[in-house]
Amino acid sequence: MTLEQQVAAHFQRYNTSPQAGFCGLSPAQMHQLLYQPLAPGCPVQLQTAIPDETLDQVPFLRLTEDFLALVQREGAIKLTPLGALPRKYLHELYAHGHIPERGIDTGFIKLSRELDSLSITTLHTVGTEAGLVKKTTAS
């Protein structure tokens, strides 16, 4: 075996060996997870069939459903000049109680703008980025 073949074999063994620092995944698996996360054979796969009972236990998904119902009911929501959800919708979404936030619940933070609630800010961003809702300009 040549030196080049020995080096190649060493790296092949290393790249396919589980590493404690990667929670038991190999460097090759970590590479695929980071750079091809949805490819076939990736160590983490999206589950395609999740029972509704399970999904109903995920607070963020319930909040998302309420947000989408709100958008559907309103048809369109006029955002603030900074592109945030108006206060009345913040209060309506937060009142469902899916994701309590200590600062708001104790009165330390007053829910007066979208940035006051991490869950609603995240909801707005994820909903927009996922294409569930879209921002349009008034015509």
C-alpha atoms as a PDB file:
ATOM      1  CA  MET A   1       0.000   0.000   0.000  1.00  0.00           C
ATOM      2  CA  THR A   2       1.429   3.362  -0.998  1.00  0.00           C
ATOM      3  CA  LEU A   3       1.713   6.326   1.346  1.00  0.00           C
ATOM      4  CA  GLU A   4      -1.058   8.087  -0.569  1.00  0.00           C
ATOM      5  CA  GLN A   5      -3.379   5.083  -0.139  1.00  0.00           C
ATOM      6  CA  GLN A   6      -2.548   4.877   3.582  1.00  0.00           C
ATOM      7  CA  VAL A   7      -3.360   8.567   4.076  1.00  0.00           C
ATOM      8  CA  ALA A   8      -6.612   8.178   2.106  1.00  0.00           C
ATOM      9  CA  ALA A   9      -7.564   5.122   4.218  1.00  0.00           C
ATOM     10  CA  HIS A  10      -6.798   7.007   7.439  1.00  0.00           C
ATOM     11  CA  PHE A  11      -9.011   9.943   6.447  1.00  0.00           C
ATOM     12  CA  GLN A  12     -11.752   7.566   5.261  1.00  0.00           C
ATOM     13  CA  ARG A  13     -11.744   5.832   8.683  1.00  0.00           C
ATOM     14  CA  TYR A  14     -11.759   9.177  10.501  1.00  0.00           C
ATOM     15  CA  ASN A  15     -14.543  10.682   8.368  1.00  0.00           C
ATOM     16  CA  THR A  16     -16.798   7.665   8.907  1.00  0.00           C
ATOM     17  CA  SER A  17     -16.109   7.179  12.636  1.00  0.00           C
ATOM     18  CA  PRO A  18     -18.554   8.518  15.250  1.00  0.00           C
ATOM     19  CA  GLN A  19     -17.186  11.519  17.151  1.00  0.00           C
ATOM     20  CA  ALA A  20     -18.217  12.413  20.708  1.00  0.00           C
ATOM     21  CA  GLY A  21     -18.013  16.117  19.867  1.00  0.00           C
ATOM     22  CA  PHE A  22     -20.665  15.560  17.180  1.00  0.00           C
ATOM     23  CA  CYS A  23     -23.019  13.624  19.494  1.00  0.00           C
ATOM     24  CA  GLY A  24     -21.995  10.329  17.911  1.00  0.00           C
ATOM     25  CA  LEU A  25     -22.215  11.494  14.305  1.00  0.00           C
ATOM     26  CA  SER A  26     -19.253  11.117  11.992  1.00  0.00           C
ATOM     27  CA  PRO A  27     -17.580  14.071  10.253  1.00  0.00           C
ATOM     28  CA  ALA A  28     -19.113  12.876   6.960  1.00  0.00           C
ATOM     29  CA  GLN A  29     -22.576  12.844   8.531  1.00  0.00           C
ATOM     30  CA  MET A  30     -22.013  16.312  10.009  1.00  0.00           C
ATOM     31  CA  HIS A  31     -20.946  17.578   6.591  1.00  0.00           C
ATOM     32  CA  GLN A  32     -24.136  16.230   5.050  1.00  0.00           C
ATOM     33  CA  LEU A  33     -26.252  17.626   7.888  1.00  0.00           C
ATOM     34  CA  LEU A  34     -24.730  21.092   7.447  1.00  0.00           C
ATOM     35  CA  TYR A  35     -24.490  21.307   3.672  1.00  0.00           C
ATOM     36  CA  GLN A  36     -27.157  18.913   2.348  1.00  0.00           C
ATOM     37  CA  PRO A  37     -29.712  18.753   5.182  1.00  0.00           C
ATOM     38  CA  LEU A  38     -32.653  17.494   3.121  1.00  0.00           C
ATOM     39  CA  ALA A  39     -30.763  15.090   0.847  1.00  0.00           C
ATOM     40  CA  PRO A  40     -31.531  11.371   0.919  1.00  0.00           C
ATOM     41  CA  GLY A  41     -29.379   9.539   3.443  1.00  0.00           C
ATOM     42  CA  CYS A  42     -28.986  12.573   5.721  1.00  0.00           C
ATOM     43  CA  PRO A  43     -28.834  11.498   9.378  1.00  0.00           C
ATOM     44  CA  VAL A  44     -31.785  13.782  10.180  1.00  0.00           C
ATOM     45  CA  GLN A  45     -34.948  13.391   8.120  1.00  0.00           C
ATOM     46  CA  LEU A  46     -38.205  15.287   8.163  1.00  0.00           C
ATOM     47  CA  GLN A  47     -41.089  13.149   9.301  1.00  0.00           C
ATOM     48  CA  THR A  48     -43.813  13.223   6.675  1.00  0.00           C
ATOM     49  CA  ALA A  49     -46.781  11.948   8.686  1.00  0.00           C
ATOM     50  CA  ILE A  50     -47.266  13.508  12.110  1.00  0.00           C
ATOM     51  CA  PRO A  51     -50.598  12.941  13.864  1.00  0.00           C
ATOM     52  CA  ASP A  52     -52.728  16.050  14.446  1.00  0.00           C
ATOM     53  CA  GLU A  53     -52.795  15.239  18.167  1.00  0.00           C
ATOM     54  CA  THR A  54     -49.009  15.641  18.274  1.00  0.00           C
ATOM     55  CA  LEU A  55     -49.010  18.848  16.254  1.00  0.00           C
ATOM     56  CA  ASP A  56     -51.695  20.302  18.531  1.00  0.00           C
ATOM     57  CA  GLN A  57     -49.248  20.010  21.435  1.00  0.00           C
ATOM     58  CA  VAL A  58     -46.708  22.350  19.789  1.00  0.00           C
ATOM     59  CA  PRO A  59     -47.447  25.886  21.025  1.00  0.00           C
ATOM     60  CA  PHE A  60     -45.705  27.642  18.131  1.00  0.00           C
ATOM     61  CA  LEU A  61     -47.721  25.680  15.574  1.00  0.00           C
ATOM     62  CA  ARG A  62     -50.955  26.558  17.383  1.00  0.00           C
ATOM     63  CA  LEU A  63     -49.914  30.223  17.397  1.00  0.00           C
ATOM     64  CA  THR A  64     -49.144  29.944  13.680  1.00  0.00           C
ATOM     65  CA  GLU A  65     -52.601  28.485  13.021  1.00  0.00           C
ATOM     66  CA  ASP A  66     -54.192  31.379  14.903  1.00  0.00           C
ATOM     67  CA  PHE A  67     -52.083  33.869  12.934  1.00  0.00           C
ATOM     68  CA  LEU A  68     -53.071  32.325   9.604  1.00  0.00           C
ATOM     69  CA  ALA A  69     -56.736  32.296  10.670  1.00  0.00           C
ATOM     70  CA  LEU A  70     -56.416  35.979  11.567  1.00  0.00           C
ATOM     71  CA  VAL A  71     -54.890  36.802   8.178  1.00  0.00           C
ATOM     72  CA  GLN A  72     -57.590  34.780   6.417  1.00  0.00           C
ATOM     73  CA  ARG A  73     -60.352  36.484   8.409  1.00  0.00           C
ATOM     74  CA  GLU A  74     -58.972  39.971   7.741  1.00  0.00           C
ATOM     75  CA  GLY A  75     -58.018  39.299   4.140  1.00  0.00           C
ATOM     76  CA  ALA A  76     -55.104  41.690   4.511  1.00  0.00           C
ATOM     77  CA  ILE A  77     -53.468  43.311   7.497  1.00  0.00           C
ATOM     78  CA  LYS A  78     -52.097  46.807   7.168  1.00  0.00           C
ATOM     79  CA  LEU A  79     -48.711  46.775   8.875  1.00  0.00           C
ATOM     80  CA  THR A  80     -47.240  49.643  10.853  1.00  0.00           C
ATOM     81  CA  PRO A  81     -44.856  52.022   9.028  1.00  0.00           C
ATOM     82  CA  LEU A  82     -41.968  49.857  10.321  1.00  0.00           C
ATOM     83  CA  GLY A  83     -43.551  46.702   8.842  1.00  0.00           C
ATOM     84  CA  ALA A  84     -44.774  45.219  12.137  1.00  0.00           C
ATOM     85  CA  LEU A  85     -48.150  43.840  13.141  1.00  0.00           C
ATOM     86  CA  PRO A  86     -50.526  46.433  14.624  1.00  0.00           C
ATOM     87  CA  ARG A  87     -51.150  46.403  18.376  1.00  0.00           C
ATOM     88  CA  LYS A  88     -54.717  45.053  18.216  1.00  0.00           C
ATOM     89  CA  TYR A  89     -53.511  41.914  16.421  1.00  0.00           C
ATOM     90  CA  LEU A  90     -50.627  41.482  18.868  1.00  0.00           C
ATOM     91  CA  HIS A  91     -53.071  41.474  21.757  1.00  0.00           C
ATOM     92  CA  GLU A  92     -55.425  39.081  19.966  1.00  0.00           C
ATOM     93  CA  LEU A  93     -52.633  36.604  19.197  1.00  0.00           C
ATOM     94  CA  TYR A  94     -51.067  36.843  22.651  1.00  0.00           C
ATOM     95  CA  ALA A  95     -54.466  36.367  24.343  1.00  0.00           C
ATOM     96  CA  HIS A  96     -54.629  32.795  23.025  1.00  0.00           C
ATOM     97  CA  GLY A  97     -51.947  32.013  25.621  1.00  0.00           C
ATOM     98  CA  HIS A  98     -50.005  29.527  23.523  1.00  0.00           C
ATOM     99  CA  ILE A  99     -46.577  30.900  24.460  1.00  0.00           C
ATOM    100  CA  PRO A 100     -46.606  32.838  27.722  1.00  0.00           C
ATOM    101  CA  GLU A 101     -43.829  35.367  28.213  1.00  0.00           C
ATOM    102  CA  ARG A 102     -42.920  36.252  31.779  1.00  0.00           C
ATOM    103  CA  GLY A 103     -42.197  39.926  31.137  1.00  0.00           C
ATOM    104  CA  ILE A 104     -45.589  40.484  29.546  1.00  0.00           C
ATOM    105  CA  ASP A 105     -47.502  38.331  32.030  1.00  0.00           C
ATOM    106  CA  THR A 106     -45.981  40.116  35.042  1.00  0.00           C
ATOM    107  CA  GLY A 107     -46.593  43.537  33.543  1.00  0.00           C
ATOM    108  CA  PHE A 108     -42.882  44.337  33.399  1.00  0.00           C
ATOM    109  CA  ILE A 109     -43.216  44.628  29.607  1.00  0.00           C
ATOM    110  CA  LYS A 110     -46.294  46.164  28.014  1.00  0.00           C
ATOM    111  CA  LEU A 111     -47.251  44.513  24.737  1.00  0.00           C
ATOM    112  CA  SER A 112     -47.408  47.655  22.644  1.00  0.00           C
ATOM    113  CA  ARG A 113     -45.258  46.708  19.658  1.00  0.00           C
ATOM    114  CA  GLU A 114     -44.294  43.510  17.907  1.00  0.00           C
ATOM    115  CA  LEU A 115     -40.751  43.522  19.295  1.00  0.00           C
ATOM    116  CA  ASP A 116     -42.145  43.250  22.844  1.00  0.00           C
ATOM    117  CA  SER A 117     -43.024  39.589  22.190  1.00  0.00           C
ATOM    118  CA  LEU A 118     -40.300  37.262  20.986  1.00  0.00           C
ATOM    119  CA  SER A 119     -42.840  34.612  19.974  1.00  0.00           C
ATOM    120  CA  ILE A 120     -44.920  37.006  17.864  1.00  0.00           C
ATOM    121  CA  THR A 121     -41.838  38.568  16.263  1.00  0.00           C
ATOM    122  CA  THR A 122     -40.615  35.064  15.412  1.00  0.00           C
ATOM    123  CA  LEU A 123     -44.071  34.100  14.143  1.00  0.00           C
ATOM    124  CA  HIS A 124     -44.177  37.093  11.800  1.00  0.00           C
ATOM    125  CA  THR A 125     -40.668  36.423  10.489  1.00  0.00           C
ATOM    126  CA  VAL A 126     -41.164  32.673  10.034  1.00  0.00           C
ATOM    127  CA  GLY A 127     -44.569  33.162   8.426  1.00  0.00           C
ATOM    128  CA  THR A 128     -43.125  35.608   5.924  1.00  0.00           C
ATOM    129  CA  GLU A 129     -39.922  33.674   5.207  1.00  0.00           C
ATOM    130  CA  ALA A 130     -41.817  30.375   4.833  1.00  0.00           C
ATOM    131  CA  GLY A 131     -44.157  31.992   2.320  1.00  0.00           C
ATOM    132  CA  LEU A 132     -47.243  31.473   4.508  1.00  0.00           C
ATOM    133  CA  VAL A 133     -47.944  35.210   4.356  1.00  0.00           C
ATOM    134  CA  LYS A 134     -46.469  37.907   2.192  1.00  0.00           C
ATOM    135  CA  LYS A 135     -45.908  41.603   2.431  1.00  0.00           C
ATOM    136  CA  THR A 136     -47.247  43.579  -0.449  1.00  0.00           C
ATOM    137  CA  THR A 137     -47.184  47.245  -1.260  1.00  0.00           C
ATOM    138  CA  ALA A 138     -50.435  49.155  -1.397  1.00  0.00           C
ATOM    139  CA  SER A 139     -51.552  49.936  -4.904  1.00  0.00           C
END
